[in-house]
Amino acid sequence: MKLEIVTPQRVVLTKEAEEVEVPCKLGYVGILPGHTPFFSLLGMGELWFRKGTERGSLFVNGGYMDVLPDKVTILADEVVEAGELSLRELEEQKRAQEATVQKGLKGEASVEEFHKALETLRRLQVLLSLAKS
């Protein structure tokens, strides 16, 4: 089946795949050729695909997915490819967000700052996992 991943800025990937796993709003969805058509909101996480022994993955966050029996189209708000990731920078960002969370737990940061830091930490954990693999 054809896998196409696009953002508002560019076409990220067009590839043949035998299997795709996508983070949707309500959890991960596995897709094989011939899948029943459906439309879904994307969540945040690692999207991976496979054809034979070749496997690839990238980070997606927000957007939509359209599944047809012979095609999966991902319209993502954000896509980060593994080659774009710097482990050191991600770890520095993670430490900064953890410090903000600790301030929030002590009442030294606003509720908005606390929740934003938690969401950013969640994003960074997925990116770190992808960068390490």
Protein backbone atom coordinates (compact mmCIF):
# COMPACT_ATOMS: atom_id res chain seq x y z
CA MET A 1 0.00 0.00 0.00
CA LYS A 2 1.12 3.58 -0.52
CA LEU A 3 2.08 5.64 2.54
CA GLU A 4 2.11 9.40 2.15
CA ILE A 5 3.05 11.79 4.97
CA VAL A 6 2.64 15.53 4.46
CA THR A 7 2.74 18.69 6.56
CA PRO A 8 1.47 22.13 5.61
CA GLN A 9 5.06 22.94 4.56
CA ARG A 10 6.14 19.88 2.57
CA VAL A 11 5.71 16.29 1.45
CA VAL A 12 7.75 14.37 4.03
CA LEU A 13 7.50 10.84 2.67
CA THR A 14 5.94 8.84 -0.14
CA LYS A 15 6.70 5.14 0.14
CA GLU A 16 5.30 1.66 -0.34
CA ALA A 17 4.64 -0.11 2.98
CA GLU A 18 3.36 -3.51 4.07
CA GLU A 19 2.55 -2.37 7.59
CA VAL A 20 2.09 1.00 9.32
CA GLU A 21 1.47 1.87 12.97
CA VAL A 22 0.13 5.36 13.70
CA PRO A 23 -0.50 7.23 16.96
CA CYS A 24 -4.14 8.34 16.85
CA LYS A 25 -6.00 10.41 19.45
CA LEU A 26 -7.39 7.31 21.17
CA GLY A 27 -4.33 5.08 20.82
CA TYR A 28 -2.11 3.41 18.27
CA VAL A 29 -3.63 1.88 15.11
CA GLY A 30 -1.98 -0.83 13.02
CA ILE A 31 -2.74 -0.79 9.31
CA LEU A 32 -2.17 -3.54 6.74
CA PRO A 33 -3.04 -3.56 3.01
CA GLY A 34 -6.77 -3.99 2.45
CA HIS A 35 -7.69 -2.22 5.70
CA THR A 36 -11.25 -0.95 6.03
CA PRO A 37 -11.41 2.75 5.09
CA PHE A 38 -11.59 5.25 7.96
CA PHE A 39 -10.57 8.75 8.99
CA SER A 40 -8.95 9.63 12.32
CA LEU A 41 -7.41 12.44 14.32
CA LEU A 42 -3.69 11.98 14.91
CA GLY A 43 -2.23 11.95 18.37
CA MET A 44 1.39 12.46 19.35
CA GLY A 45 3.96 9.70 19.11
CA GLU A 46 6.12 7.52 16.94
CA LEU A 47 4.77 6.48 13.56
CA TRP A 48 6.55 3.48 12.09
CA PHE A 49 6.28 1.65 8.79
CA ARG A 50 7.74 -1.52 7.32
CA LYS A 51 8.25 -3.10 3.92
CA GLY A 52 10.03 -6.44 4.03
CA THR A 53 12.95 -6.05 6.39
CA GLU A 54 13.20 -2.29 5.86
CA ARG A 55 11.71 -0.30 8.74
CA GLY A 56 11.42 3.44 9.29
CA SER A 57 9.95 5.68 11.93
CA LEU A 58 9.33 9.33 12.68
CA PHE A 59 7.59 11.55 15.19
CA VAL A 60 4.15 12.94 14.36
CA ASN A 61 2.00 15.33 16.35
CA GLY A 62 -1.53 16.41 15.51
CA GLY A 63 -3.40 16.34 12.25
CA TYR A 64 -5.43 13.71 10.43
CA MET A 65 -5.12 10.29 8.87
CA ASP A 66 -7.10 8.94 5.92
CA VAL A 67 -6.99 5.17 5.42
CA LEU A 68 -8.06 3.44 2.21
CA PRO A 69 -7.51 -0.24 1.34
CA ASP A 70 -4.45 0.63 -0.77
CA LYS A 71 -3.30 3.99 0.66
CA VAL A 72 -2.61 5.70 4.00
CA THR A 73 -2.39 9.49 3.95
CA ILE A 74 -1.07 11.30 7.01
CA LEU A 75 -1.76 15.05 7.15
CA ALA A 76 0.35 16.01 10.16
CA ASP A 77 0.75 19.32 11.96
CA GLU A 78 4.30 18.34 12.96
CA VAL A 79 6.71 15.69 11.70
CA VAL A 80 10.25 15.17 12.97
CA GLU A 81 12.55 12.70 11.27
CA ALA A 82 15.15 10.84 13.35
CA GLY A 83 18.02 12.48 11.45
CA GLU A 84 16.83 15.90 12.63
CA LEU A 85 17.25 15.02 16.31
CA SER A 86 20.15 15.94 18.59
CA LEU A 87 20.24 13.75 21.69
CA ARG A 88 22.19 16.35 23.66
CA GLU A 89 19.78 19.19 22.84
CA LEU A 90 16.76 17.03 23.67
CA GLU A 91 18.24 16.07 27.04
CA GLU A 92 18.96 19.74 27.84
CA GLN A 93 15.38 20.68 26.95
CA LYS A 94 14.09 17.81 29.08
CA ARG A 95 16.07 18.99 32.13
CA ALA A 96 14.70 22.53 31.70
CA GLN A 97 11.12 21.25 31.51
CA GLU A 98 11.63 18.99 34.53
CA ALA A 99 12.82 22.03 36.50
CA THR A 100 9.64 23.90 35.54
CA VAL A 101 7.52 20.93 36.63
CA GLN A 102 9.31 20.88 40.00
CA LYS A 103 8.64 24.62 40.41
CA GLY A 104 5.00 23.98 39.60
CA LEU A 105 4.78 21.24 42.23
CA LYS A 106 6.18 23.70 44.79
CA GLY A 107 3.74 26.43 43.72
CA GLU A 108 6.54 28.53 42.22
CA ALA A 109 5.20 28.38 38.65
CA SER A 110 1.76 29.14 37.26
CA VAL A 111 -0.69 26.37 36.47
CA GLU A 112 -0.34 27.20 32.76
CA GLU A 113 3.47 26.94 32.91
CA PHE A 114 3.19 23.65 34.80
CA HIS A 115 0.78 22.07 32.29
CA LYS A 116 2.77 23.34 29.30
CA ALA A 117 5.96 21.84 30.81
CA LEU A 118 4.19 18.49 31.32
CA GLU A 119 3.00 18.43 27.70
CA THR A 120 6.45 19.41 26.43
CA LEU A 121 8.03 16.69 28.59
CA ARG A 122 5.70 14.11 27.05
CA ARG A 123 6.74 15.26 23.57
CA LEU A 124 10.44 15.22 24.50
CA GLN A 125 10.21 11.67 25.89
CA VAL A 126 8.91 10.40 22.54
CA LEU A 127 11.58 12.34 20.65
CA LEU A 128 14.32 11.03 22.96
CA SER A 129 13.11 7.47 22.44
CA LEU A 130 13.21 7.98 18.68
CA ALA A 131 16.67 9.61 18.83
CA LYS A 132 18.10 6.71 20.84
CA SER A 133 16.82 4.04 18.45
